[in-house]
Amino acid sequence: MTFSVNYVERDGGGAYLRLAGELDLSTAPELTAAIDRLTAAGETRVLLDLTDLTFCDSTGLAVFVRGDNQVAADGGWLRITGANGRVERVLRVTGLADVLRYEPESVDPVSRTAS
């Protein structure tokens, strides 16, 4: 399966990226580049929708952490939503679900306190 990163316009500001496919060593640079473009454009709130992400390895997890660190340096945050199956399990087992404040019931993390 291929990997894609799609930018979706959001009401209320912040960047929304919808990921699909497999996020691994070969596809992680695509997500890194997308996050880099957003932060270079001044975005400090990034939401990653993982609903259609079917696989994520440690390289993908590292991209999530790197992105969160980038936006946090400017007072922002990176949040994830929509993870399911194996992807959700990896996030929970590694503790990143807590670090990135993942709540499966929440459709939009922007509505929660981001600090």
C-alpha atoms as a PDB file:
ATOM      1  CA  MET A   1       0.000   0.000   0.000  1.00  0.00           C
ATOM      2  CA  THR A   2       1.206   3.485  -0.767  1.00  0.00           C
ATOM      3  CA  PHE A   3       1.459   6.336   1.686  1.00  0.00           C
ATOM      4  CA  SER A   4      -0.119   9.755   1.333  1.00  0.00           C
ATOM      5  CA  VAL A   5      -0.287  12.975   3.308  1.00  0.00           C
ATOM      6  CA  ASN A   6      -3.183  15.263   2.465  1.00  0.00           C
ATOM      7  CA  TYR A   7      -3.641  18.771   3.793  1.00  0.00           C
ATOM      8  CA  VAL A   8      -7.239  19.566   4.727  1.00  0.00           C
ATOM      9  CA  GLU A   9      -8.489  23.099   5.387  1.00  0.00           C
ATOM     10  CA  ARG A  10      -9.787  23.617   8.939  1.00  0.00           C
ATOM     11  CA  ASP A  11     -12.136  26.155  10.370  1.00  0.00           C
ATOM     12  CA  GLY A  12     -10.622  27.787  13.419  1.00  0.00           C
ATOM     13  CA  GLY A  13      -7.006  27.633  12.290  1.00  0.00           C
ATOM     14  CA  GLY A  14      -4.288  25.092  12.738  1.00  0.00           C
ATOM     15  CA  ALA A  15      -3.037  22.576  10.242  1.00  0.00           C
ATOM     16  CA  TYR A  16      -4.830  19.297   9.574  1.00  0.00           C
ATOM     17  CA  LEU A  17      -3.020  16.449   7.820  1.00  0.00           C
ATOM     18  CA  ARG A  18      -4.785  13.229   6.859  1.00  0.00           C
ATOM     19  CA  LEU A  19      -2.404  10.262   6.634  1.00  0.00           C
ATOM     20  CA  ALA A  20      -3.168   7.077   4.698  1.00  0.00           C
ATOM     21  CA  GLY A  21      -1.273   3.847   4.083  1.00  0.00           C
ATOM     22  CA  GLU A  22       1.933   2.710   5.727  1.00  0.00           C
ATOM     23  CA  LEU A  23       4.228   5.090   7.592  1.00  0.00           C
ATOM     24  CA  ASP A  24       7.699   3.549   7.758  1.00  0.00           C
ATOM     25  CA  LEU A  25      11.369   4.192   6.959  1.00  0.00           C
ATOM     26  CA  SER A  26      10.669   4.705   3.268  1.00  0.00           C
ATOM     27  CA  THR A  27       7.653   7.024   3.682  1.00  0.00           C
ATOM     28  CA  ALA A  28       8.524   8.974   6.848  1.00  0.00           C
ATOM     29  CA  PRO A  29      10.461  11.650   4.898  1.00  0.00           C
ATOM     30  CA  GLU A  30       7.216  12.626   3.158  1.00  0.00           C
ATOM     31  CA  LEU A  31       5.499  13.352   6.490  1.00  0.00           C
ATOM     32  CA  THR A  32       8.615  15.080   7.831  1.00  0.00           C
ATOM     33  CA  ALA A  33       8.653  17.365   4.770  1.00  0.00           C
ATOM     34  CA  ALA A  34       4.945  18.167   5.180  1.00  0.00           C
ATOM     35  CA  ILE A  35       5.398  19.088   8.856  1.00  0.00           C
ATOM     36  CA  ASP A  36       8.513  21.128   8.003  1.00  0.00           C
ATOM     37  CA  ARG A  37       6.556  23.086   5.365  1.00  0.00           C
ATOM     38  CA  LEU A  38       3.800  23.833   7.865  1.00  0.00           C
ATOM     39  CA  THR A  39       6.157  25.007  10.593  1.00  0.00           C
ATOM     40  CA  ALA A  40       8.114  27.112   8.092  1.00  0.00           C
ATOM     41  CA  ALA A  41       4.806  28.764   7.193  1.00  0.00           C
ATOM     42  CA  GLY A  42       4.252  29.597  10.872  1.00  0.00           C
ATOM     43  CA  GLU A  43       1.803  26.841  11.857  1.00  0.00           C
ATOM     44  CA  THR A  44       2.048  25.981  15.547  1.00  0.00           C
ATOM     45  CA  ARG A  45      -0.980  23.687  15.881  1.00  0.00           C
ATOM     46  CA  VAL A  46      -0.834  20.483  13.851  1.00  0.00           C
ATOM     47  CA  LEU A  47      -3.482  17.775  13.883  1.00  0.00           C
ATOM     48  CA  LEU A  48      -2.666  14.405  12.311  1.00  0.00           C
ATOM     49  CA  ASP A  49      -5.661  12.268  11.361  1.00  0.00           C
ATOM     50  CA  LEU A  50      -4.533   8.624  11.437  1.00  0.00           C
ATOM     51  CA  THR A  51      -7.888   7.069  10.520  1.00  0.00           C
ATOM     52  CA  ASP A  52      -6.560   5.639   7.238  1.00  0.00           C
ATOM     53  CA  LEU A  53      -3.054   4.835   8.499  1.00  0.00           C
ATOM     54  CA  THR A  54      -2.689   1.044   8.428  1.00  0.00           C
ATOM     55  CA  PHE A  55       0.890   0.694   9.733  1.00  0.00           C
ATOM     56  CA  CYS A  56       3.375   2.805  11.657  1.00  0.00           C
ATOM     57  CA  ASP A  57       6.874   1.731  12.657  1.00  0.00           C
ATOM     58  CA  SER A  58       9.382   3.390  14.989  1.00  0.00           C
ATOM     59  CA  THR A  59      10.480   5.773  12.236  1.00  0.00           C
ATOM     60  CA  GLY A  60       6.936   7.071  11.948  1.00  0.00           C
ATOM     61  CA  LEU A  61       6.681   7.459  15.705  1.00  0.00           C
ATOM     62  CA  ALA A  62       9.915   9.448  15.635  1.00  0.00           C
ATOM     63  CA  VAL A  63       8.381  11.809  13.056  1.00  0.00           C
ATOM     64  CA  PHE A  64       5.418  12.411  15.393  1.00  0.00           C
ATOM     65  CA  VAL A  65       7.766  13.233  18.285  1.00  0.00           C
ATOM     66  CA  ARG A  66      10.013  15.433  16.119  1.00  0.00           C
ATOM     67  CA  GLY A  67       6.972  17.327  14.820  1.00  0.00           C
ATOM     68  CA  ASP A  68       5.642  17.837  18.331  1.00  0.00           C
ATOM     69  CA  ASN A  69       9.027  19.131  19.461  1.00  0.00           C
ATOM     70  CA  GLN A  70       9.165  21.534  16.495  1.00  0.00           C
ATOM     71  CA  VAL A  71       5.821  23.153  17.169  1.00  0.00           C
ATOM     72  CA  ALA A  72       6.266  23.067  20.955  1.00  0.00           C
ATOM     73  CA  ALA A  73       9.414  25.171  20.546  1.00  0.00           C
ATOM     74  CA  ASP A  74       7.111  27.911  19.230  1.00  0.00           C
ATOM     75  CA  GLY A  75       4.463  27.393  21.904  1.00  0.00           C
ATOM     76  CA  GLY A  76       2.309  25.043  19.847  1.00  0.00           C
ATOM     77  CA  TRP A  77       1.392  21.367  19.763  1.00  0.00           C
ATOM     78  CA  LEU A  78       0.992  18.335  17.537  1.00  0.00           C
ATOM     79  CA  ARG A  79      -1.980  16.080  18.233  1.00  0.00           C
ATOM     80  CA  ILE A  80      -3.185  12.821  16.739  1.00  0.00           C
ATOM     81  CA  THR A  81      -6.667  11.493  16.204  1.00  0.00           C
ATOM     82  CA  GLY A  82      -8.362   8.564  14.522  1.00  0.00           C
ATOM     83  CA  ALA A  83      -5.798   5.828  15.164  1.00  0.00           C
ATOM     84  CA  ASN A  84      -7.164   2.317  15.171  1.00  0.00           C
ATOM     85  CA  GLY A  85      -6.027  -1.296  15.149  1.00  0.00           C
ATOM     86  CA  ARG A  86      -2.287  -1.864  15.147  1.00  0.00           C
ATOM     87  CA  VAL A  87      -1.495   1.823  14.897  1.00  0.00           C
ATOM     88  CA  GLU A  88      -3.473   2.638  18.049  1.00  0.00           C
ATOM     89  CA  ARG A  89      -1.861  -0.297  19.842  1.00  0.00           C
ATOM     90  CA  VAL A  90       1.663   0.921  18.997  1.00  0.00           C
ATOM     91  CA  LEU A  91       0.793   4.417  20.234  1.00  0.00           C
ATOM     92  CA  ARG A  92      -0.500   3.055  23.535  1.00  0.00           C
ATOM     93  CA  VAL A  93       2.307   0.513  24.115  1.00  0.00           C
ATOM     94  CA  THR A  94       5.002   3.129  23.484  1.00  0.00           C
ATOM     95  CA  GLY A  95       3.292   5.769  25.630  1.00  0.00           C
ATOM     96  CA  LEU A  96       2.955   8.219  22.744  1.00  0.00           C
ATOM     97  CA  ALA A  97      -0.817   8.157  23.083  1.00  0.00           C
ATOM     98  CA  ASP A  98      -0.322   9.958  26.406  1.00  0.00           C
ATOM     99  CA  VAL A  99       2.477  12.246  25.218  1.00  0.00           C
ATOM    100  CA  LEU A 100       0.490  13.403  22.187  1.00  0.00           C
ATOM    101  CA  ARG A 101      -2.777  13.429  24.171  1.00  0.00           C
ATOM    102  CA  TYR A 102      -4.577  10.961  21.955  1.00  0.00           C
ATOM    103  CA  GLU A 103      -8.232  10.472  22.821  1.00  0.00           C
ATOM    104  CA  PRO A 104     -10.085   8.127  20.473  1.00  0.00           C
ATOM    105  CA  GLU A 105     -13.463   9.641  21.336  1.00  0.00           C
ATOM    106  CA  SER A 106     -12.347  13.131  20.359  1.00  0.00           C
ATOM    107  CA  VAL A 107     -12.856  14.088  16.749  1.00  0.00           C
ATOM    108  CA  ASP A 108     -11.031  17.393  17.129  1.00  0.00           C
ATOM    109  CA  PRO A 109      -8.248  17.804  19.716  1.00  0.00           C
ATOM    110  CA  VAL A 110      -8.342  21.549  19.147  1.00  0.00           C
ATOM    111  CA  SER A 111     -11.470  21.660  21.257  1.00  0.00           C
ATOM    112  CA  ARG A 112      -9.491  20.417  24.266  1.00  0.00           C
ATOM    113  CA  THR A 113      -6.960  22.400  26.237  1.00  0.00           C
ATOM    114  CA  ALA A 114      -3.751  22.112  24.252  1.00  0.00           C
ATOM    115  CA  SER A 115      -1.221  22.998  26.904  1.00  0.00           C
END
